[in-house]
Amino acid sequence: MTAMQIIHSIAAFIVMAEALNKLERTAPFAPGLSPRVRLVDGLKALAWLLLAMGAGGALIGPFLQPLGIGAKSSQIIAHLSPSLAEVCVLLGFAVLIIRTRVKEG
């Protein structure tokens, strides 16, 4: 693995863990919420779900071809070597998550 692939995998793991944690705590269908609060909570849940799916694809992508899954299928989900843009996006989210955790103490 290259350094960029390692950084990408670590960042994806951090984003995945935080996204699943936050997704578990959102409750857009809780009783007694106003329509505005329900919408805001629903959008937050959608955002964390999309981040979890993206991070999951980044984590599983390198394992698809060695497991025998066809090249066409694996390229739909992720490719083996992430681009600099993909690494920067995931690393940016990971840094924001770590900063928030440090700030909270």
PDB file of N, CA and C in Angstrom:
ATOM      1  N   MET A   1       0.836  -1.191   0.000  1.00  0.00           N
ATOM      2  CA  MET A   1       0.000   0.000   0.000  1.00  0.00           C
ATOM      3  C   MET A   1       0.876   1.248   0.000  1.00  0.00           C
ATOM      4  N   THR A   2       0.448   2.232  -0.736  1.00  0.00           N
ATOM      5  CA  THR A   2       1.166   3.501  -0.750  1.00  0.00           C
ATOM      6  C   THR A   2       0.749   4.331   0.463  1.00  0.00           C
ATOM      7  N   ALA A   3       1.508   5.388   0.723  1.00  0.00           N
ATOM      8  CA  ALA A   3       1.185   6.268   1.854  1.00  0.00           C
ATOM      9  C   ALA A   3      -0.193   6.898   1.666  1.00  0.00           C
ATOM     10  N   MET A   4      -0.521   7.249   0.431  1.00  0.00           N
ATOM     11  CA  MET A   4      -1.821   7.861   0.169  1.00  0.00           C
ATOM     12  C   MET A   4      -2.954   6.869   0.439  1.00  0.00           C
ATOM     13  N   GLN A   5      -2.762   5.597   0.106  1.00  0.00           N
ATOM     14  CA  GLN A   5      -3.779   4.582   0.378  1.00  0.00           C
ATOM     15  C   GLN A   5      -3.944   4.357   1.880  1.00  0.00           C
ATOM     16  N   ILE A   6      -2.839   4.389   2.615  1.00  0.00           N
ATOM     17  CA  ILE A   6      -2.900   4.212   4.069  1.00  0.00           C
ATOM     18  C   ILE A   6      -3.638   5.380   4.715  1.00  0.00           C
ATOM     19  N   ILE A   7      -3.287   6.603   4.317  1.00  0.00           N
ATOM     20  CA  ILE A   7      -3.962   7.794   4.852  1.00  0.00           C
ATOM     21  C   ILE A   7      -5.450   7.748   4.511  1.00  0.00           C
ATOM     22  N   HIS A   8      -5.758   7.363   3.287  1.00  0.00           N
ATOM     23  CA  HIS A   8      -7.150   7.258   2.843  1.00  0.00           C
ATOM     24  C   HIS A   8      -7.915   6.244   3.697  1.00  0.00           C
ATOM     25  N   SER A   9      -7.310   5.102   3.973  1.00  0.00           N
ATOM     26  CA  SER A   9      -7.968   4.065   4.771  1.00  0.00           C
ATOM     27  C   SER A   9      -8.177   4.503   6.212  1.00  0.00           C
ATOM     28  N   ILE A  10      -7.181   5.144   6.805  1.00  0.00           N
ATOM     29  CA  ILE A  10      -7.310   5.617   8.189  1.00  0.00           C
ATOM     30  C   ILE A  10      -8.395   6.693   8.279  1.00  0.00           C
ATOM     31  N   ALA A  11      -8.370   7.633   7.340  1.00  0.00           N
ATOM     32  CA  ALA A  11      -9.390   8.687   7.332  1.00  0.00           C
ATOM     33  C   ALA A  11     -10.779   8.090   7.122  1.00  0.00           C
ATOM     34  N   ALA A  12     -10.890   7.111   6.239  1.00  0.00           N
ATOM     35  CA  ALA A  12     -12.182   6.462   5.994  1.00  0.00           C
ATOM     36  C   ALA A  12     -12.683   5.761   7.251  1.00  0.00           C
ATOM     37  N   PHE A  13     -11.785   5.124   7.982  1.00  0.00           N
ATOM     38  CA  PHE A  13     -12.180   4.447   9.222  1.00  0.00           C
ATOM     39  C   PHE A  13     -12.701   5.453  10.250  1.00  0.00           C
ATOM     40  N   ILE A  14     -12.009   6.577  10.391  1.00  0.00           N
ATOM     41  CA  ILE A  14     -12.433   7.610  11.346  1.00  0.00           C
ATOM     42  C   ILE A  14     -13.801   8.170  10.951  1.00  0.00           C
ATOM     43  N   VAL A  15     -13.962   8.491   9.674  1.00  0.00           N
ATOM     44  CA  VAL A  15     -15.234   9.045   9.201  1.00  0.00           C
ATOM     45  C   VAL A  15     -16.356   8.018   9.362  1.00  0.00           C
ATOM     46  N   MET A  16     -16.075   6.761   9.049  1.00  0.00           N
ATOM     47  CA  MET A  16     -17.086   5.708   9.180  1.00  0.00           C
ATOM     48  C   MET A  16     -17.529   5.547  10.632  1.00  0.00           C
ATOM     49  N   ALA A  17     -16.571   5.499  11.550  1.00  0.00           N
ATOM     50  CA  ALA A  17     -16.908   5.334  12.966  1.00  0.00           C
ATOM     51  C   ALA A  17     -17.756   6.501  13.471  1.00  0.00           C
ATOM     52  N   GLU A  18     -17.357   7.713  13.136  1.00  0.00           N
ATOM     53  CA  GLU A  18     -18.102   8.885  13.599  1.00  0.00           C
ATOM     54  C   GLU A  18     -19.476   8.967  12.937  1.00  0.00           C
ATOM     55  N   ALA A  19     -19.540   8.648  11.652  1.00  0.00           N
ATOM     56  CA  ALA A  19     -20.821   8.708  10.947  1.00  0.00           C
ATOM     57  C   ALA A  19     -21.816   7.713  11.535  1.00  0.00           C
ATOM     58  N   LEU A  20     -21.358   6.508  11.820  1.00  0.00           N
ATOM     59  CA  LEU A  20     -22.259   5.524  12.414  1.00  0.00           C
ATOM     60  C   LEU A  20     -22.675   5.938  13.818  1.00  0.00           C
ATOM     61  N   ASN A  21     -21.751   6.529  14.568  1.00  0.00           N
ATOM     62  CA  ASN A  21     -22.061   7.014  15.911  1.00  0.00           C
ATOM     63  C   ASN A  21     -23.119   8.117  15.853  1.00  0.00           C
ATOM     64  N   LYS A  22     -22.917   9.093  14.975  1.00  0.00           N
ATOM     65  CA  LYS A  22     -23.869  10.204  14.854  1.00  0.00           C
ATOM     66  C   LYS A  22     -25.205   9.732  14.280  1.00  0.00           C
ATOM     67  N   LEU A  23     -25.148   8.812  13.331  1.00  0.00           N
ATOM     68  CA  LEU A  23     -26.371   8.304  12.719  1.00  0.00           C
ATOM     69  C   LEU A  23     -27.234   7.587  13.753  1.00  0.00           C
ATOM     70  N   GLU A  24     -26.585   6.895  14.660  1.00  0.00           N
ATOM     71  CA  GLU A  24     -27.321   6.186  15.710  1.00  0.00           C
ATOM     72  C   GLU A  24     -28.069   7.165  16.619  1.00  0.00           C
ATOM     73  N   ARG A  25     -27.519   8.364  16.781  1.00  0.00           N
ATOM     74  CA  ARG A  25     -28.109   9.330  17.707  1.00  0.00           C
ATOM     75  C   ARG A  25     -29.149  10.251  17.072  1.00  0.00           C
ATOM     76  N   THR A  26     -29.300  10.209  15.763  1.00  0.00           N
ATOM     77  CA  THR A  26     -30.319  11.053  15.138  1.00  0.00           C
ATOM     78  C   THR A  26     -31.666  10.344  15.218  1.00  0.00           C
ATOM     79  N   ALA A  27     -32.708  11.121  15.378  1.00  0.00           N
ATOM     80  CA  ALA A  27     -34.054  10.542  15.497  1.00  0.00           C
ATOM     81  C   ALA A  27     -35.070  11.421  14.772  1.00  0.00           C
ATOM     82  N   PRO A  28     -35.034  11.424  13.439  1.00  0.00           N
ATOM     83  CA  PRO A  28     -35.959  12.294  12.714  1.00  0.00           C
ATOM     84  C   PRO A  28     -37.423  11.870  12.835  1.00  0.00           C
ATOM     85  N   PHE A  29     -37.676  10.652  13.277  1.00  0.00           N
ATOM     86  CA  PHE A  29     -39.053  10.174  13.399  1.00  0.00           C
ATOM     87  C   PHE A  29     -39.518  10.117  14.850  1.00  0.00           C
ATOM     88  N   ALA A  30     -38.794  10.785  15.739  1.00  0.00           N
ATOM     89  CA  ALA A  30     -39.190  10.811  17.150  1.00  0.00           C
ATOM     90  C   ALA A  30     -40.513  11.556  17.301  1.00  0.00           C
ATOM     91  N   PRO A  31     -41.355  11.098  18.217  1.00  0.00           N
ATOM     92  CA  PRO A  31     -42.640  11.784  18.410  1.00  0.00           C
ATOM     93  C   PRO A  31     -42.447  13.161  19.037  1.00  0.00           C
ATOM     94  N   GLY A  32     -43.326  14.074  18.665  1.00  0.00           N
ATOM     95  CA  GLY A  32     -43.333  15.393  19.280  1.00  0.00           C
ATOM     96  C   GLY A  32     -42.411  16.423  18.658  1.00  0.00           C
ATOM     97  N   LEU A  33     -41.770  16.112  17.544  1.00  0.00           N
ATOM     98  CA  LEU A  33     -40.888  17.085  16.894  1.00  0.00           C
ATOM     99  C   LEU A  33     -41.704  17.995  15.984  1.00  0.00           C
ATOM    100  N   SER A  34     -41.308  19.253  15.941  1.00  0.00           N
ATOM    101  CA  SER A  34     -41.952  20.169  14.999  1.00  0.00           C
ATOM    102  C   SER A  34     -41.483  19.817  13.584  1.00  0.00           C
ATOM    103  N   PRO A  35     -42.229  20.216  12.567  1.00  0.00           N
ATOM    104  CA  PRO A  35     -41.813  19.904  11.193  1.00  0.00           C
ATOM    105  C   PRO A  35     -40.408  20.418  10.858  1.00  0.00           C
ATOM    106  N   ARG A  36     -40.064  21.606  11.346  1.00  0.00           N
ATOM    107  CA  ARG A  36     -38.736  22.166  11.067  1.00  0.00           C
ATOM    108  C   ARG A  36     -37.642  21.333  11.726  1.00  0.00           C
ATOM    109  N   VAL A  37     -37.819  20.980  12.988  1.00  0.00           N
ATOM    110  CA  VAL A  37     -36.827  20.165  13.710  1.00  0.00           C
ATOM    111  C   VAL A  37     -36.727  18.781  13.069  1.00  0.00           C
ATOM    112  N   ARG A  38     -37.864  18.229  12.653  1.00  0.00           N
ATOM    113  CA  ARG A  38     -37.863  16.921  11.992  1.00  0.00           C
ATOM    114  C   ARG A  38     -37.076  16.983  10.679  1.00  0.00           C
ATOM    115  N   LEU A  39     -37.254  18.071   9.913  1.00  0.00           N
ATOM    116  CA  LEU A  39     -36.529  18.242   8.657  1.00  0.00           C
ATOM    117  C   LEU A  39     -35.030  18.376   8.908  1.00  0.00           C
ATOM    118  N   VAL A  40     -34.657  19.198   9.879  1.00  0.00           N
ATOM    119  CA  VAL A  40     -33.237  19.396  10.195  1.00  0.00           C
ATOM    120  C   VAL A  40     -32.606  18.080  10.637  1.00  0.00           C
ATOM    121  N   ASP A  41     -33.286  17.334  11.503  1.00  0.00           N
ATOM    122  CA  ASP A  41     -32.752  16.056  11.970  1.00  0.00           C
ATOM    123  C   ASP A  41     -32.691  15.035  10.833  1.00  0.00           C
ATOM    124  N   GLY A  42     -33.680  15.071   9.943  1.00  0.00           N
ATOM    125  CA  GLY A  42     -33.664  14.181   8.786  1.00  0.00           C
ATOM    126  C   GLY A  42     -32.515  14.483   7.838  1.00  0.00           C
ATOM    127  N   LEU A  43     -32.246  15.773   7.618  1.00  0.00           N
ATOM    128  CA  LEU A  43     -31.114  16.154   6.763  1.00  0.00           C
ATOM    129  C   LEU A  43     -29.787  15.755   7.396  1.00  0.00           C
ATOM    130  N   LYS A  44     -29.699  15.898   8.711  1.00  0.00           N
ATOM    131  CA  LYS A  44     -28.480  15.482   9.412  1.00  0.00           C
ATOM    132  C   LYS A  44     -28.285  13.968   9.283  1.00  0.00           C
ATOM    133  N   ALA A  45     -29.365  13.211   9.440  1.00  0.00           N
ATOM    134  CA  ALA A  45     -29.282  11.757   9.301  1.00  0.00           C
ATOM    135  C   ALA A  45     -28.871  11.371   7.882  1.00  0.00           C
ATOM    136  N   LEU A  46     -29.423  12.051   6.890  1.00  0.00           N
ATOM    137  CA  LEU A  46     -29.069  11.774   5.500  1.00  0.00           C
ATOM    138  C   LEU A  46     -27.595  12.067   5.241  1.00  0.00           C
ATOM    139  N   ALA A  47     -27.104  13.182   5.764  1.00  0.00           N
ATOM    140  CA  ALA A  47     -25.694  13.545   5.577  1.00  0.00           C
ATOM    141  C   ALA A  47     -24.772  12.502   6.207  1.00  0.00           C
ATOM    142  N   TRP A  48     -25.072  12.091   7.428  1.00  0.00           N
ATOM    143  CA  TRP A  48     -24.227  11.086   8.090  1.00  0.00           C
ATOM    144  C   TRP A  48     -24.333   9.734   7.394  1.00  0.00           C
ATOM    145  N   LEU A  49     -25.508   9.399   6.863  1.00  0.00           N
ATOM    146  CA  LEU A  49     -25.668   8.154   6.118  1.00  0.00           C
ATOM    147  C   LEU A  49     -24.809   8.161   4.857  1.00  0.00           C
ATOM    148  N   LEU A  50     -24.822   9.277   4.139  1.00  0.00           N
ATOM    149  CA  LEU A  50     -24.006   9.385   2.926  1.00  0.00           C
ATOM    150  C   LEU A  50     -22.518   9.325   3.249  1.00  0.00           C
ATOM    151  N   LEU A  51     -22.106   9.970   4.342  1.00  0.00           N
ATOM    152  CA  LEU A  51     -20.702   9.891   4.753  1.00  0.00           C
ATOM    153  C   LEU A  51     -20.319   8.463   5.134  1.00  0.00           C
ATOM    154  N   ALA A  52     -21.199   7.760   5.829  1.00  0.00           N
ATOM    155  CA  ALA A  52     -20.920   6.371   6.208  1.00  0.00           C
ATOM    156  C   ALA A  52     -20.811   5.482   4.970  1.00  0.00           C
ATOM    157  N   MET A  53     -21.695   5.698   3.995  1.00  0.00           N
ATOM    158  CA  MET A  53     -21.639   4.902   2.770  1.00  0.00           C
ATOM    159  C   MET A  53     -20.363   5.187   1.980  1.00  0.00           C
ATOM    160  N   GLY A  54     -19.989   6.459   1.887  1.00  0.00           N
ATOM    161  CA  GLY A  54     -18.761   6.812   1.178  1.00  0.00           C
ATOM    162  C   GLY A  54     -17.525   6.250   1.855  1.00  0.00           C
ATOM    163  N   ALA A  55     -17.477   6.350   3.168  1.00  0.00           N
ATOM    164  CA  ALA A  55     -16.334   5.809   3.906  1.00  0.00           C
ATOM    165  C   ALA A  55     -16.308   4.289   3.809  1.00  0.00           C
ATOM    166  N   GLY A  56     -17.476   3.666   3.840  1.00  0.00           N
ATOM    167  CA  GLY A  56     -17.532   2.211   3.689  1.00  0.00           C
ATOM    168  C   GLY A  56     -17.021   1.768   2.328  1.00  0.00           C
ATOM    169  N   GLY A  57     -17.387   2.505   1.288  1.00  0.00           N
ATOM    170  CA  GLY A  57     -16.871   2.199  -0.046  1.00  0.00           C
ATOM    171  C   GLY A  57     -15.370   2.371  -0.134  1.00  0.00           C
ATOM    172  N   ALA A  58     -14.852   3.389   0.551  1.00  0.00           N
ATOM    173  CA  ALA A  58     -13.404   3.609   0.560  1.00  0.00           C
ATOM    174  C   ALA A  58     -12.685   2.484   1.291  1.00  0.00           C
ATOM    175  N   LEU A  59     -13.307   1.953   2.335  1.00  0.00           N
ATOM    176  CA  LEU A  59     -12.675   0.872   3.094  1.00  0.00           C
ATOM    177  C   LEU A  59     -12.743  -0.467   2.375  1.00  0.00           C
ATOM    178  N   ILE A  60     -13.844  -0.767   1.717  1.00  0.00           N
ATOM    179  CA  ILE A  60     -14.019  -2.079   1.104  1.00  0.00           C
ATOM    180  C   ILE A  60     -13.433  -2.149  -0.310  1.00  0.00           C
ATOM    181  N   GLY A  61     -13.284  -1.002  -0.973  1.00  0.00           N
ATOM    182  CA  GLY A  61     -12.808  -0.972  -2.356  1.00  0.00           C
ATOM    183  C   GLY A  61     -11.553  -1.777  -2.638  1.00  0.00           C
ATOM    184  N   PRO A  62     -10.481  -1.603  -1.867  1.00  0.00           N
ATOM    185  CA  PRO A  62      -9.253  -2.350  -2.156  1.00  0.00           C
ATOM    186  C   PRO A  62      -9.380  -3.862  -1.975  1.00  0.00           C
ATOM    187  N   PHE A  63     -10.410  -4.339  -1.296  1.00  0.00           N
ATOM    188  CA  PHE A  63     -10.558  -5.771  -1.040  1.00  0.00           C
ATOM    189  C   PHE A  63     -11.448  -6.474  -2.057  1.00  0.00           C
ATOM    190  N   LEU A  64     -12.123  -5.710  -2.919  1.00  0.00           N
ATOM    191  CA  LEU A  64     -13.090  -6.317  -3.826  1.00  0.00           C
ATOM    192  C   LEU A  64     -12.444  -7.180  -4.901  1.00  0.00           C
ATOM    193  N   GLN A  65     -11.435  -6.681  -5.597  1.00  0.00           N
ATOM    194  CA  GLN A  65     -10.818  -7.472  -6.661  1.00  0.00           C
ATOM    195  C   GLN A  65     -10.089  -8.699  -6.126  1.00  0.00           C
ATOM    196  N   PRO A  66      -9.314  -8.590  -5.034  1.00  0.00           N
ATOM    197  CA  PRO A  66      -8.692  -9.814  -4.512  1.00  0.00           C
ATOM    198  C   PRO A  66      -9.709 -10.866  -4.055  1.00  0.00           C
ATOM    199  N   LEU A  67     -10.915 -10.455  -3.718  1.00  0.00           N
ATOM    200  CA  LEU A  67     -11.952 -11.407  -3.314  1.00  0.00           C
ATOM    201  C   LEU A  67     -12.639 -12.055  -4.511  1.00  0.00           C
ATOM    202  N   GLY A  68     -12.255 -11.647  -5.709  1.00  0.00           N
ATOM    203  CA  GLY A  68     -12.800 -12.263  -6.907  1.00  0.00           C
ATOM    204  C   GLY A  68     -14.001 -11.558  -7.499  1.00  0.00           C
ATOM    205  N   ILE A  69     -14.335 -10.403  -6.988  1.00  0.00           N
ATOM    206  CA  ILE A  69     -15.448  -9.646  -7.550  1.00  0.00           C
ATOM    207  C   ILE A  69     -14.959  -8.994  -8.832  1.00  0.00           C
ATOM    208  N   GLY A  70     -15.747  -9.055  -9.877  1.00  0.00           N
ATOM    209  CA  GLY A  70     -15.341  -8.576 -11.189  1.00  0.00           C
ATOM    210  C   GLY A  70     -14.906  -7.123 -11.212  1.00  0.00           C
ATOM    211  N   ALA A  71     -14.069  -6.784 -12.167  1.00  0.00           N
ATOM    212  CA  ALA A  71     -13.528  -5.430 -12.275  1.00  0.00           C
ATOM    213  C   ALA A  71     -14.634  -4.395 -12.478  1.00  0.00           C
ATOM    214  N   LYS A  72     -15.653  -4.737 -13.256  1.00  0.00           N
ATOM    215  CA  LYS A  72     -16.730  -3.773 -13.495  1.00  0.00           C
ATOM    216  C   LYS A  72     -17.481  -3.463 -12.206  1.00  0.00           C
ATOM    217  N   SER A  73     -17.773  -4.483 -11.418  1.00  0.00           N
ATOM    218  CA  SER A  73     -18.500  -4.277 -10.161  1.00  0.00           C
ATOM    219  C   SER A  73     -17.685  -3.464  -9.179  1.00  0.00           C
ATOM    220  N   SER A  74     -16.401  -3.778  -9.054  1.00  0.00           N
ATOM    221  CA  SER A  74     -15.581  -3.079  -8.062  1.00  0.00           C
ATOM    222  C   SER A  74     -15.322  -1.636  -8.467  1.00  0.00           C
ATOM    223  N   GLN A  75     -15.266  -1.347  -9.765  1.00  0.00           N
ATOM    224  CA  GLN A  75     -15.039   0.031 -10.185  1.00  0.00           C
ATOM    225  C   GLN A  75     -16.255   0.904  -9.938  1.00  0.00           C
ATOM    226  N   ILE A  76     -17.414   0.304  -9.852  1.00  0.00           N
ATOM    227  CA  ILE A  76     -18.614   1.079  -9.533  1.00  0.00           C
ATOM    228  C   ILE A  76     -18.524   1.581  -8.096  1.00  0.00           C
ATOM    229  N   ILE A  77     -18.059   0.735  -7.184  1.00  0.00           N
ATOM    230  CA  ILE A  77     -18.001   1.099  -5.768  1.00  0.00           C
ATOM    231  C   ILE A  77     -16.764   1.947  -5.478  1.00  0.00           C
ATOM    232  N   ALA A  78     -15.608   1.473  -5.831  1.00  0.00           N
ATOM    233  CA  ALA A  78     -14.368   2.205  -5.563  1.00  0.00           C
ATOM    234  C   ALA A  78     -13.258   1.607  -6.411  1.00  0.00           C
ATOM    235  N   HIS A  79     -12.228   2.376  -6.614  1.00  0.00           N
ATOM    236  CA  HIS A  79     -11.083   1.855  -7.329  1.00  0.00           C
ATOM    237  C   HIS A  79      -9.959   1.600  -6.328  1.00  0.00           C
ATOM    238  N   LEU A  80      -8.952   0.855  -6.746  1.00  0.00           N
ATOM    239  CA  LEU A  80      -7.916   0.420  -5.816  1.00  0.00           C
ATOM    240  C   LEU A  80      -7.049   1.557  -5.313  1.00  0.00           C
ATOM    241  N   SER A  81      -6.772   2.523  -6.148  1.00  0.00           N
ATOM    242  CA  SER A  81      -5.902   3.628  -5.757  1.00  0.00           C
ATOM    243  C   SER A  81      -6.708   4.924  -5.714  1.00  0.00           C
ATOM    244  N   PRO A  82      -6.867   5.524  -4.534  1.00  0.00           N
ATOM    245  CA  PRO A  82      -7.674   6.744  -4.438  1.00  0.00           C
ATOM    246  C   PRO A  82      -6.966   7.936  -5.073  1.00  0.00           C
ATOM    247  N   SER A  83      -7.751   8.865  -5.579  1.00  0.00           N
ATOM    248  CA  SER A  83      -7.171  10.086  -6.131  1.00  0.00           C
ATOM    249  C   SER A  83      -6.823  11.036  -4.991  1.00  0.00           C
ATOM    250  N   LEU A  84      -6.038  12.040  -5.294  1.00  0.00           N
ATOM    251  CA  LEU A  84      -5.671  13.034  -4.286  1.00  0.00           C
ATOM    252  C   LEU A  84      -6.916  13.749  -3.767  1.00  0.00           C
ATOM    253  N   ALA A  85      -7.869  14.009  -4.642  1.00  0.00           N
ATOM    254  CA  ALA A  85      -9.109  14.674  -4.222  1.00  0.00           C
ATOM    255  C   ALA A  85      -9.878  13.826  -3.216  1.00  0.00           C
ATOM    256  N   GLU A  86      -9.979  12.529  -3.467  1.00  0.00           N
ATOM    257  CA  GLU A  86     -10.688  11.636  -2.542  1.00  0.00           C
ATOM    258  C   GLU A  86      -9.999  11.584  -1.187  1.00  0.00           C
ATOM    259  N   VAL A  87      -8.679  11.517  -1.207  1.00  0.00           N
ATOM    260  CA  VAL A  87      -7.921  11.493   0.048  1.00  0.00           C
ATOM    261  C   VAL A  87      -8.125  12.795   0.806  1.00  0.00           C
ATOM    262  N   CYS A  88      -8.073  13.917   0.112  1.00  0.00           N
ATOM    263  CA  CYS A  88      -8.227  15.219   0.770  1.00  0.00           C
ATOM    264  C   CYS A  88      -9.614  15.391   1.379  1.00  0.00           C
ATOM    265  N   VAL A  89     -10.649  14.951   0.679  1.00  0.00           N
ATOM    266  CA  VAL A  89     -12.012  15.082   1.208  1.00  0.00           C
ATOM    267  C   VAL A  89     -12.178  14.243   2.468  1.00  0.00           C
ATOM    268  N   LEU A  90     -11.785  12.975   2.411  1.00  0.00           N
ATOM    269  CA  LEU A  90     -11.930  12.122   3.590  1.00  0.00           C
ATOM    270  C   LEU A  90     -11.040  12.590   4.728  1.00  0.00           C
ATOM    271  N   LEU A  91      -9.818  12.996   4.415  1.00  0.00           N
ATOM    272  CA  LEU A  91      -8.909  13.478   5.455  1.00  0.00           C
ATOM    273  C   LEU A  91      -9.432  14.766   6.074  1.00  0.00           C
ATOM    274  N   GLY A  92     -10.035  15.631   5.265  1.00  0.00           N
ATOM    275  CA  GLY A  92     -10.625  16.856   5.800  1.00  0.00           C
ATOM    276  C   GLY A  92     -11.740  16.563   6.790  1.00  0.00           C
ATOM    277  N   PHE A  93     -12.617  15.626   6.447  1.00  0.00           N
ATOM    278  CA  PHE A  93     -13.673  15.239   7.384  1.00  0.00           C
ATOM    279  C   PHE A  93     -13.087  14.605   8.638  1.00  0.00           C
ATOM    280  N   ALA A  94     -12.071  13.763   8.478  1.00  0.00           N
ATOM    281  CA  ALA A  94     -11.450  13.122   9.642  1.00  0.00           C
ATOM    282  C   ALA A  94     -10.820  14.157  10.565  1.00  0.00           C
ATOM    283  N   VAL A  95     -10.147  15.154  10.004  1.00  0.00           N
ATOM    284  CA  VAL A  95      -9.532  16.210  10.821  1.00  0.00           C
ATOM    285  C   VAL A  95     -10.607  17.014  11.552  1.00  0.00           C
ATOM    286  N   LEU A  96     -11.712  17.329  10.880  1.00  0.00           N
ATOM    287  CA  LEU A  96     -12.805  18.044  11.547  1.00  0.00           C
ATOM    288  C   LEU A  96     -13.391  17.222  12.692  1.00  0.00           C
ATOM    289  N   ILE A  97     -13.521  15.933  12.496  1.00  0.00           N
ATOM    290  CA  ILE A  97     -14.048  15.052  13.547  1.00  0.00           C
ATOM    291  C   ILE A  97     -13.093  15.005  14.731  1.00  0.00           C
ATOM    292  N   ILE A  98     -11.804  14.842  14.452  1.00  0.00           N
ATOM    293  CA  ILE A  98     -10.804  14.798  15.530  1.00  0.00           C
ATOM    294  C   ILE A  98     -10.757  16.131  16.261  1.00  0.00           C
ATOM    295  N   ARG A  99     -10.818  17.244  15.522  1.00  0.00           N
ATOM    296  CA  ARG A  99     -10.807  18.567  16.149  1.00  0.00           C
ATOM    297  C   ARG A  99     -11.990  18.733  17.093  1.00  0.00           C
ATOM    298  N   THR A 100     -13.146  18.288  16.663  1.00  0.00           N
ATOM    299  CA  THR A 100     -14.336  18.383  17.511  1.00  0.00           C
ATOM    300  C   THR A 100     -14.174  17.549  18.768  1.00  0.00           C
ATOM    301  N   ARG A 101     -13.623  16.354  18.634  1.00  0.00           N
ATOM    302  CA  ARG A 101     -13.415  15.485  19.802  1.00  0.00           C
ATOM    303  C   ARG A 101     -12.415  16.098  20.774  1.00  0.00           C
ATOM    304  N   VAL A 102     -11.336  16.689  20.255  1.00  0.00           N
ATOM    305  CA  VAL A 102     -10.337  17.336  21.117  1.00  0.00           C
ATOM    306  C   VAL A 102     -10.956  18.549  21.801  1.00  0.00           C
ATOM    307  N   LYS A 103     -11.738  19.317  21.071  1.00  0.00           N
ATOM    308  CA  LYS A 103     -12.392  20.512  21.613  1.00  0.00           C
ATOM    309  C   LYS A 103     -13.364  20.146  22.738  1.00  0.00           C
ATOM    310  N   GLU A 104     -14.077  19.025  22.571  1.00  0.00           N
ATOM    311  CA  GLU A 104     -15.029  18.584  23.589  1.00  0.00           C
ATOM    312  C   GLU A 104     -14.334  18.058  24.840  1.00  0.00           C
ATOM    313  N   GLY A 105     -13.087  17.655  24.697  1.00  0.00           N
ATOM    314  CA  GLY A 105     -12.328  17.159  25.849  1.00  0.00           C
ATOM    315  C   GLY A 105     -12.500  15.745  25.994  1.00  0.00           C
TER     316      GLY A 105
END
